Amino acid sequence: MPLKYKWECLTEACPEQYDVFDEQGRQVAYVRARWGRVTASCPDFGGYMVFDDDFADDGMSGCFKDTDQRNQYQQLIEDAIDGYYVSLNK
């Protein structure tokens, strides 16, 4: 499934980080993978955390193990971003 948002890589490892933008070029999330956790926060709302999960068993990883894992988490994070913004517009 193609990604809905534009993911701009800030750093590739230790931590792996992204700014995520919508179609209008507005930043909708900041994503960070570090210490075996991946988090996504929405900058427009005081950094509200919309996603937080362990992605590595070792608790030390600062990047995804491969493209498949990265793609899986990108989809999960996009779903979380969508859910958060939909809940704000109710």
PDB file of N, CA and C in Angstrom:
ATOM      1  N   MET A   1       0.834  -1.172   0.000  1.00  0.00           N
ATOM      2  CA  MET A   1       0.000   0.000   0.000  1.00  0.00           C
ATOM      3  C   MET A   1       0.891   1.251   0.000  1.00  0.00           C
ATOM      4  N   PRO A   2       0.656   2.182  -0.907  1.00  0.00           N
ATOM      5  CA  PRO A   2       1.498   3.386  -0.955  1.00  0.00           C
ATOM      6  C   PRO A   2       1.259   4.292   0.252  1.00  0.00           C
ATOM      7  N   LEU A   3       2.275   5.034   0.594  1.00  0.00           N
ATOM      8  CA  LEU A   3       2.169   5.949   1.725  1.00  0.00           C
ATOM      9  C   LEU A   3       1.321   7.158   1.348  1.00  0.00           C
ATOM     10  N   LYS A   4       0.554   7.637   2.296  1.00  0.00           N
ATOM     11  CA  LYS A   4      -0.325   8.784   2.100  1.00  0.00           C
ATOM     12  C   LYS A   4       0.436  10.096   2.286  1.00  0.00           C
ATOM     13  N   TYR A   5       1.392  10.095   3.193  1.00  0.00           N
ATOM     14  CA  TYR A   5       2.127  11.290   3.545  1.00  0.00           C
ATOM     15  C   TYR A   5       3.539  11.253   2.975  1.00  0.00           C
ATOM     16  N   LYS A   6       4.162  12.437   2.920  1.00  0.00           N
ATOM     17  CA  LYS A   6       5.562  12.536   2.490  1.00  0.00           C
ATOM     18  C   LYS A   6       6.448  12.411   3.733  1.00  0.00           C
ATOM     19  N   TRP A   7       7.338  11.444   3.710  1.00  0.00           N
ATOM     20  CA  TRP A   7       8.257  11.201   4.824  1.00  0.00           C
ATOM     21  C   TRP A   7       9.625  11.761   4.452  1.00  0.00           C
ATOM     22  N   GLU A   8      10.088  12.738   5.208  1.00  0.00           N
ATOM     23  CA  GLU A   8      11.392  13.340   4.972  1.00  0.00           C
ATOM     24  C   GLU A   8      12.359  12.838   6.032  1.00  0.00           C
ATOM     25  N   CYS A   9      13.361  12.083   5.595  1.00  0.00           N
ATOM     26  CA  CYS A   9      14.336  11.507   6.527  1.00  0.00           C
ATOM     27  C   CYS A   9      15.269  12.604   7.047  1.00  0.00           C
ATOM     28  N   LEU A  10      15.368  12.709   8.365  1.00  0.00           N
ATOM     29  CA  LEU A  10      16.270  13.666   8.999  1.00  0.00           C
ATOM     30  C   LEU A  10      17.606  13.018   9.317  1.00  0.00           C
ATOM     31  N   THR A  11      17.560  11.800   9.862  1.00  0.00           N
ATOM     32  CA  THR A  11      18.756  10.997  10.116  1.00  0.00           C
ATOM     33  C   THR A  11      18.389   9.539   9.890  1.00  0.00           C
ATOM     34  N   GLU A  12      19.353   8.751   9.429  1.00  0.00           N
ATOM     35  CA  GLU A  12      19.075   7.357   9.082  1.00  0.00           C
ATOM     36  C   GLU A  12      19.296   6.374  10.217  1.00  0.00           C
ATOM     37  N   ALA A  13      20.054   6.764  11.234  1.00  0.00           N
ATOM     38  CA  ALA A  13      20.309   5.817  12.319  1.00  0.00           C
ATOM     39  C   ALA A  13      20.715   6.535  13.595  1.00  0.00           C
ATOM     40  N   CYS A  14      20.324   5.932  14.698  1.00  0.00           N
ATOM     41  CA  CYS A  14      20.750   6.317  16.048  1.00  0.00           C
ATOM     42  C   CYS A  14      20.538   7.774  16.393  1.00  0.00           C
ATOM     43  N   PRO A  15      19.368   8.308  16.370  1.00  0.00           N
ATOM     44  CA  PRO A  15      18.087   7.701  16.034  1.00  0.00           C
ATOM     45  C   PRO A  15      17.715   7.906  14.562  1.00  0.00           C
ATOM     46  N   GLU A  16      16.882   7.014  14.059  1.00  0.00           N
ATOM     47  CA  GLU A  16      16.272   7.207  12.745  1.00  0.00           C
ATOM     48  C   GLU A  16      15.098   8.166  12.966  1.00  0.00           C
ATOM     49  N   GLN A  17      15.060   9.275  12.193  1.00  0.00           N
ATOM     50  CA  GLN A  17      14.067  10.317  12.425  1.00  0.00           C
ATOM     51  C   GLN A  17      13.457  10.816  11.119  1.00  0.00           C
ATOM     52  N   TYR A  18      12.187  11.203  11.206  1.00  0.00           N
ATOM     53  CA  TYR A  18      11.475  11.711  10.034  1.00  0.00           C
ATOM     54  C   TYR A  18      10.559  12.863  10.438  1.00  0.00           C
ATOM     55  N   ASP A  19      10.422  13.819   9.533  1.00  0.00           N
ATOM     56  CA  ASP A  19       9.318  14.759   9.575  1.00  0.00           C
ATOM     57  C   ASP A  19       8.324  14.259   8.541  1.00  0.00           C
ATOM     58  N   VAL A  20       7.032  14.301   8.881  1.00  0.00           N
ATOM     59  CA  VAL A  20       5.984  13.766   8.008  1.00  0.00           C
ATOM     60  C   VAL A  20       5.053  14.918   7.622  1.00  0.00           C
ATOM     61  N   PHE A  21       4.785  15.032   6.314  1.00  0.00           N
ATOM     62  CA  PHE A  21       4.017  16.150   5.787  1.00  0.00           C
ATOM     63  C   PHE A  21       2.784  15.676   5.024  1.00  0.00           C
ATOM     64  N   ASP A  22       1.715  16.491   5.084  1.00  0.00           N
ATOM     65  CA  ASP A  22       0.500  16.175   4.321  1.00  0.00           C
ATOM     66  C   ASP A  22       0.608  16.746   2.897  1.00  0.00           C
ATOM     67  N   GLU A  23      -0.465  16.604   2.122  1.00  0.00           N
ATOM     68  CA  GLU A  23      -0.469  17.041   0.720  1.00  0.00           C
ATOM     69  C   GLU A  23      -0.258  18.537   0.565  1.00  0.00           C
ATOM     70  N   GLN A  24      -0.643  19.314   1.575  1.00  0.00           N
ATOM     71  CA  GLN A  24      -0.482  20.763   1.519  1.00  0.00           C
ATOM     72  C   GLN A  24       0.891  21.228   2.038  1.00  0.00           C
ATOM     73  N   GLY A  25       1.737  20.281   2.398  1.00  0.00           N
ATOM     74  CA  GLY A  25       3.069  20.605   2.882  1.00  0.00           C
ATOM     75  C   GLY A  25       3.137  20.949   4.357  1.00  0.00           C
ATOM     76  N   ARG A  26       2.049  20.718   5.097  1.00  0.00           N
ATOM     77  CA  ARG A  26       2.044  20.967   6.543  1.00  0.00           C
ATOM     78  C   ARG A  26       2.633  19.764   7.272  1.00  0.00           C
ATOM     79  N   GLN A  27       3.475  20.025   8.241  1.00  0.00           N
ATOM     80  CA  GLN A  27       4.030  18.930   9.031  1.00  0.00           C
ATOM     81  C   GLN A  27       2.944  18.377   9.940  1.00  0.00           C
ATOM     82  N   VAL A  28       2.701  17.069   9.835  1.00  0.00           N
ATOM     83  CA  VAL A  28       1.675  16.428  10.656  1.00  0.00           C
ATOM     84  C   VAL A  28       2.270  15.527  11.734  1.00  0.00           C
ATOM     85  N   ALA A  29       3.562  15.227  11.630  1.00  0.00           N
ATOM     86  CA  ALA A  29       4.172  14.369  12.650  1.00  0.00           C
ATOM     87  C   ALA A  29       5.695  14.446  12.605  1.00  0.00           C
ATOM     88  N   TYR A  30       6.263  14.103  13.736  1.00  0.00           N
ATOM     89  CA  TYR A  30       7.700  13.883  13.882  1.00  0.00           C
ATOM     90  C   TYR A  30       7.834  12.452  14.376  1.00  0.00           C
ATOM     91  N   VAL A  31       8.648  11.640  13.682  1.00  0.00           N
ATOM     92  CA  VAL A  31       8.806  10.217  14.010  1.00  0.00           C
ATOM     93  C   VAL A  31      10.260   9.956  14.389  1.00  0.00           C
ATOM     94  N   ARG A  32      10.419   9.159  15.454  1.00  0.00           N
ATOM     95  CA  ARG A  32      11.772   8.858  15.934  1.00  0.00           C
ATOM     96  C   ARG A  32      11.849   7.404  16.385  1.00  0.00           C
ATOM     97  N   ALA A  33      12.897   6.729  15.947  1.00  0.00           N
ATOM     98  CA  ALA A  33      13.188   5.361  16.386  1.00  0.00           C
ATOM     99  C   ALA A  33      14.491   5.386  17.178  1.00  0.00           C
ATOM    100  N   ARG A  34      14.389   5.025  18.464  1.00  0.00           N
ATOM    101  CA  ARG A  34      15.575   5.035  19.324  1.00  0.00           C
ATOM    102  C   ARG A  34      15.346   4.133  20.525  1.00  0.00           C
ATOM    103  N   TRP A  35      16.408   3.480  20.968  1.00  0.00           N
ATOM    104  CA  TRP A  35      16.368   2.584  22.125  1.00  0.00           C
ATOM    105  C   TRP A  35      15.298   1.505  21.962  1.00  0.00           C
ATOM    106  N   GLY A  36      15.083   1.066  20.706  1.00  0.00           N
ATOM    107  CA  GLY A  36      14.143  -0.013  20.458  1.00  0.00           C
ATOM    108  C   GLY A  36      12.681   0.415  20.451  1.00  0.00           C
ATOM    109  N   ARG A  37      12.415   1.722  20.515  1.00  0.00           N
ATOM    110  CA  ARG A  37      11.042   2.258  20.495  1.00  0.00           C
ATOM    111  C   ARG A  37      10.890   3.192  19.306  1.00  0.00           C
ATOM    112  N   VAL A  38       9.705   3.191  18.748  1.00  0.00           N
ATOM    113  CA  VAL A  38       9.379   4.162  17.707  1.00  0.00           C
ATOM    114  C   VAL A  38       8.202   4.991  18.204  1.00  0.00           C
ATOM    115  N   THR A  39       8.332   6.320  18.079  1.00  0.00           N
ATOM    116  CA  THR A  39       7.287   7.226  18.518  1.00  0.00           C
ATOM    117  C   THR A  39       6.943   8.194  17.391  1.00  0.00           C
ATOM    118  N   ALA A  40       5.708   8.675  17.421  1.00  0.00           N
ATOM    119  CA  ALA A  40       5.267   9.711  16.490  1.00  0.00           C
ATOM    120  C   ALA A  40       4.474  10.735  17.279  1.00  0.00           C
ATOM    121  N   SER A  41       4.832  11.993  17.103  1.00  0.00           N
ATOM    122  CA  SER A  41       4.113  13.069  17.785  1.00  0.00           C
ATOM    123  C   SER A  41       3.643  14.093  16.767  1.00  0.00           C
ATOM    124  N   CYS A  42       2.570  14.776  17.110  1.00  0.00           N
ATOM    125  CA  CYS A  42       1.973  15.794  16.246  1.00  0.00           C
ATOM    126  C   CYS A  42       2.412  17.163  16.735  1.00  0.00           C
ATOM    127  N   PRO A  43       3.218  17.857  15.960  1.00  0.00           N
ATOM    128  CA  PRO A  43       3.806  19.115  16.426  1.00  0.00           C
ATOM    129  C   PRO A  43       2.808  20.240  16.648  1.00  0.00           C
ATOM    130  N   ASP A  44       1.702  20.263  15.927  1.00  0.00           N
ATOM    131  CA  ASP A  44       0.731  21.347  16.072  1.00  0.00           C
ATOM    132  C   ASP A  44      -0.006  21.308  17.406  1.00  0.00           C
ATOM    133  N   PHE A  45       0.090  20.213  18.119  1.00  0.00           N
ATOM    134  CA  PHE A  45      -0.663  20.063  19.361  1.00  0.00           C
ATOM    135  C   PHE A  45       0.261  19.766  20.530  1.00  0.00           C
ATOM    136  N   GLY A  46       1.328  20.542  20.627  1.00  0.00           N
ATOM    137  CA  GLY A  46       2.242  20.428  21.754  1.00  0.00           C
ATOM    138  C   GLY A  46       3.020  19.129  21.777  1.00  0.00           C
ATOM    139  N   GLY A  47       3.215  18.521  20.620  1.00  0.00           N
ATOM    140  CA  GLY A  47       3.956  17.272  20.566  1.00  0.00           C
ATOM    141  C   GLY A  47       3.171  16.077  21.068  1.00  0.00           C
ATOM    142  N   TYR A  48       1.840  16.125  20.949  1.00  0.00           N
ATOM    143  CA  TYR A  48       0.996  15.026  21.412  1.00  0.00           C
ATOM    144  C   TYR A  48       1.427  13.705  20.759  1.00  0.00           C
ATOM    145  N   MET A  49       1.712  12.697  21.566  1.00  0.00           N
ATOM    146  CA  MET A  49       2.172  11.395  21.086  1.00  0.00           C
ATOM    147  C   MET A  49       0.993  10.596  20.527  1.00  0.00           C
ATOM    148  N   VAL A  50       1.039  10.312  19.228  1.00  0.00           N
ATOM    149  CA  VAL A  50      -0.036   9.545  18.595  1.00  0.00           C
ATOM    150  C   VAL A  50       0.352   8.083  18.377  1.00  0.00           C
ATOM    151  N   PHE A  51       1.654   7.767  18.530  1.00  0.00           N
ATOM    152  CA  PHE A  51       2.102   6.395  18.328  1.00  0.00           C
ATOM    153  C   PHE A  51       3.330   6.164  19.187  1.00  0.00           C
ATOM    154  N   ASP A  52       3.381   4.990  19.839  1.00  0.00           N
ATOM    155  CA  ASP A  52       4.510   4.616  20.696  1.00  0.00           C
ATOM    156  C   ASP A  52       4.537   3.097  20.762  1.00  0.00           C
ATOM    157  N   ASP A  53       5.628   2.490  20.288  1.00  0.00           N
ATOM    158  CA  ASP A  53       5.681   1.027  20.247  1.00  0.00           C
ATOM    159  C   ASP A  53       7.127   0.543  20.288  1.00  0.00           C
ATOM    160  N   ASP A  54       7.339  -0.640  20.850  1.00  0.00           N
ATOM    161  CA  ASP A  54       8.639  -1.307  20.782  1.00  0.00           C
ATOM    162  C   ASP A  54       8.781  -1.933  19.407  1.00  0.00           C
ATOM    163  N   PHE A  55       9.878  -1.646  18.705  1.00  0.00           N
ATOM    164  CA  PHE A  55      10.085  -2.239  17.389  1.00  0.00           C
ATOM    165  C   PHE A  55      11.269  -3.198  17.353  1.00  0.00           C
ATOM    166  N   ALA A  56      12.058  -3.225  18.427  1.00  0.00           N
ATOM    167  CA  ALA A  56      13.234  -4.098  18.465  1.00  0.00           C
ATOM    168  C   ALA A  56      13.274  -4.843  19.792  1.00  0.00           C
ATOM    169  N   ASP A  57      13.711  -6.088  19.737  1.00  0.00           N
ATOM    170  CA  ASP A  57      13.777  -6.923  20.935  1.00  0.00           C
ATOM    171  C   ASP A  57      14.924  -6.542  21.868  1.00  0.00           C
ATOM    172  N   ASP A  58      15.962  -5.913  21.332  1.00  0.00           N
ATOM    173  CA  ASP A  58      17.154  -5.660  22.132  1.00  0.00           C
ATOM    174  C   ASP A  58      17.090  -4.381  22.972  1.00  0.00           C
ATOM    175  N   GLY A  59      16.142  -3.496  22.678  1.00  0.00           N
ATOM    176  CA  GLY A  59      16.034  -2.256  23.431  1.00  0.00           C
ATOM    177  C   GLY A  59      17.161  -1.274  23.168  1.00  0.00           C
ATOM    178  N   MET A  60      17.975  -1.547  22.178  1.00  0.00           N
ATOM    179  CA  MET A  60      19.113  -0.682  21.873  1.00  0.00           C
ATOM    180  C   MET A  60      19.046  -0.094  20.462  1.00  0.00           C
ATOM    181  N   SER A  61      18.243  -0.650  19.597  1.00  0.00           N
ATOM    182  CA  SER A  61      18.244  -0.254  18.189  1.00  0.00           C
ATOM    183  C   SER A  61      17.820   1.188  18.007  1.00  0.00           C
ATOM    184  N   GLY A  62      18.527   1.869  17.110  1.00  0.00           N
ATOM    185  CA  GLY A  62      18.212   3.240  16.774  1.00  0.00           C
ATOM    186  C   GLY A  62      17.736   3.391  15.351  1.00  0.00           C
ATOM    187  N   CYS A  63      17.457   2.238  14.707  1.00  0.00           N
ATOM    188  CA  CYS A  63      16.930   2.264  13.342  1.00  0.00           C
ATOM    189  C   CYS A  63      16.213   0.941  13.076  1.00  0.00           C
ATOM    190  N   PHE A  64      15.356   0.952  12.075  1.00  0.00           N
ATOM    191  CA  PHE A  64      14.636  -0.263  11.712  1.00  0.00           C
ATOM    192  C   PHE A  64      15.601  -1.272  11.104  1.00  0.00           C
ATOM    193  N   LYS A  65      15.282  -2.567  11.246  1.00  0.00           N
ATOM    194  CA  LYS A  65      16.216  -3.597  10.780  1.00  0.00           C
ATOM    195  C   LYS A  65      16.243  -3.719   9.262  1.00  0.00           C
ATOM    196  N   ASP A  66      15.129  -3.359   8.597  1.00  0.00           N
ATOM    197  CA  ASP A  66      15.093  -3.452   7.144  1.00  0.00           C
ATOM    198  C   ASP A  66      13.929  -2.638   6.582  1.00  0.00           C
ATOM    199  N   THR A  67      13.848  -2.580   5.272  1.00  0.00           N
ATOM    200  CA  THR A  67      12.803  -1.809   4.593  1.00  0.00           C
ATOM    201  C   THR A  67      11.416  -2.335   4.915  1.00  0.00           C
ATOM    202  N   ASP A  68      11.257  -3.648   5.015  1.00  0.00           N
ATOM    203  CA  ASP A  68       9.940  -4.217   5.332  1.00  0.00           C
ATOM    204  C   ASP A  68       9.438  -3.749   6.692  1.00  0.00           C
ATOM    205  N   GLN A  69      10.311  -3.766   7.685  1.00  0.00           N
ATOM    206  CA  GLN A  69       9.908  -3.315   9.011  1.00  0.00           C
ATOM    207  C   GLN A  69       9.575  -1.818   8.979  1.00  0.00           C
ATOM    208  N   ARG A  70      10.406  -1.028   8.291  1.00  0.00           N
ATOM    209  CA  ARG A  70      10.145   0.404   8.181  1.00  0.00           C
ATOM    210  C   ARG A  70       8.793   0.647   7.518  1.00  0.00           C
ATOM    211  N   ASN A  71       8.524  -0.034   6.414  1.00  0.00           N
ATOM    212  CA  ASN A  71       7.249   0.132   5.707  1.00  0.00           C
ATOM    213  C   ASN A  71       6.062  -0.237   6.598  1.00  0.00           C
ATOM    214  N   GLN A  72       6.194  -1.314   7.350  1.00  0.00           N
ATOM    215  CA  GLN A  72       5.130  -1.744   8.264  1.00  0.00           C
ATOM    216  C   GLN A  72       4.823  -0.642   9.275  1.00  0.00           C
ATOM    217  N   TYR A  73       5.862  -0.087   9.876  1.00  0.00           N
ATOM    218  CA  TYR A  73       5.658   0.958  10.877  1.00  0.00           C
ATOM    219  C   TYR A  73       5.173   2.259  10.255  1.00  0.00           C
ATOM    220  N   GLN A  74       5.609   2.569   9.055  1.00  0.00           N
ATOM    221  CA  GLN A  74       5.101   3.774   8.394  1.00  0.00           C
ATOM    222  C   GLN A  74       3.590   3.679   8.193  1.00  0.00           C
ATOM    223  N   GLN A  75       3.100   2.526   7.800  1.00  0.00           N
ATOM    224  CA  GLN A  75       1.651   2.353   7.628  1.00  0.00           C
ATOM    225  C   GLN A  75       0.922   2.487   8.963  1.00  0.00           C
ATOM    226  N   LEU A  76       1.448   1.853   9.999  1.00  0.00           N
ATOM    227  CA  LEU A  76       0.825   1.942  11.326  1.00  0.00           C
ATOM    228  C   LEU A  76       0.799   3.383  11.833  1.00  0.00           C
ATOM    229  N   ILE A  77       1.884   4.093  11.624  1.00  0.00           N
ATOM    230  CA  ILE A  77       1.973   5.478  12.084  1.00  0.00           C
ATOM    231  C   ILE A  77       1.025   6.367  11.284  1.00  0.00           C
ATOM    232  N   GLU A  78       0.944   6.153   9.970  1.00  0.00           N
ATOM    233  CA  GLU A  78       0.001   6.940   9.168  1.00  0.00           C
ATOM    234  C   GLU A  78      -1.439   6.709   9.628  1.00  0.00           C
ATOM    235  N   ASP A  79      -1.775   5.485   9.956  1.00  0.00           N
ATOM    236  CA  ASP A  79      -3.119   5.189  10.483  1.00  0.00           C
ATOM    237  C   ASP A  79      -3.352   5.931  11.797  1.00  0.00           C
ATOM    238  N   ALA A  80      -2.331   5.975  12.662  1.00  0.00           N
ATOM    239  CA  ALA A  80      -2.456   6.675  13.941  1.00  0.00           C
ATOM    240  C   ALA A  80      -2.601   8.181  13.731  1.00  0.00           C
ATOM    241  N   ILE A  81      -1.847   8.733  12.800  1.00  0.00           N
ATOM    242  CA  ILE A  81      -1.961  10.161  12.486  1.00  0.00           C
ATOM    243  C   ILE A  81      -3.370  10.465  11.990  1.00  0.00           C
ATOM    244  N   ASP A  82      -3.847   9.662  11.047  1.00  0.00           N
ATOM    245  CA  ASP A  82      -5.204   9.860  10.514  1.00  0.00           C
ATOM    246  C   ASP A  82      -6.244   9.789  11.626  1.00  0.00           C
ATOM    247  N   GLY A  83      -6.128   8.800  12.492  1.00  0.00           N
ATOM    248  CA  GLY A  83      -7.078   8.638  13.588  1.00  0.00           C
ATOM    249  C   GLY A  83      -7.071   9.830  14.522  1.00  0.00           C
ATOM    250  N   TYR A  84      -5.904  10.357  14.791  1.00  0.00           N
ATOM    251  CA  TYR A  84      -5.805  11.512  15.684  1.00  0.00           C
ATOM    252  C   TYR A  84      -6.473  12.735  15.066  1.00  0.00           C
ATOM    253  N   TYR A  85      -6.152  13.024  13.818  1.00  0.00           N
ATOM    254  CA  TYR A  85      -6.731  14.216  13.182  1.00  0.00           C
ATOM    255  C   TYR A  85      -8.224  14.065  12.945  1.00  0.00           C
ATOM    256  N   VAL A  86      -8.699  12.867  12.660  1.00  0.00           N
ATOM    257  CA  VAL A  86     -10.144  12.644  12.510  1.00  0.00           C
ATOM    258  C   VAL A  86     -10.843  12.910  13.844  1.00  0.00           C
ATOM    259  N   SER A  87     -10.246  12.454  14.943  1.00  0.00           N
ATOM    260  CA  SER A  87     -10.863  12.649  16.261  1.00  0.00           C
ATOM    261  C   SER A  87     -10.946  14.144  16.628  1.00  0.00           C
ATOM    262  N   LEU A  88     -10.033  14.938  16.132  1.00  0.00           N
ATOM    263  CA  LEU A  88     -10.060  16.383  16.409  1.00  0.00           C
ATOM    264  C   LEU A  88     -11.179  17.083  15.661  1.00  0.00           C
ATOM    265  N   ASN A  89     -11.568  16.518  14.525  1.00  0.00           N
ATOM    266  CA  ASN A  89     -12.573  17.159  13.685  1.00  0.00           C
ATOM    267  C   ASN A  89     -13.995  16.688  13.939  1.00  0.00           C
ATOM    268  N   LYS A  90     -14.209  15.906  14.992  1.00  0.00           N
ATOM    269  CA  LYS A  90     -15.566  15.415  15.309  1.00  0.00           C
ATOM    270  C   LYS A  90     -16.375  16.491  15.976  1.00  0.00           C
TER     271      LYS A  90
END
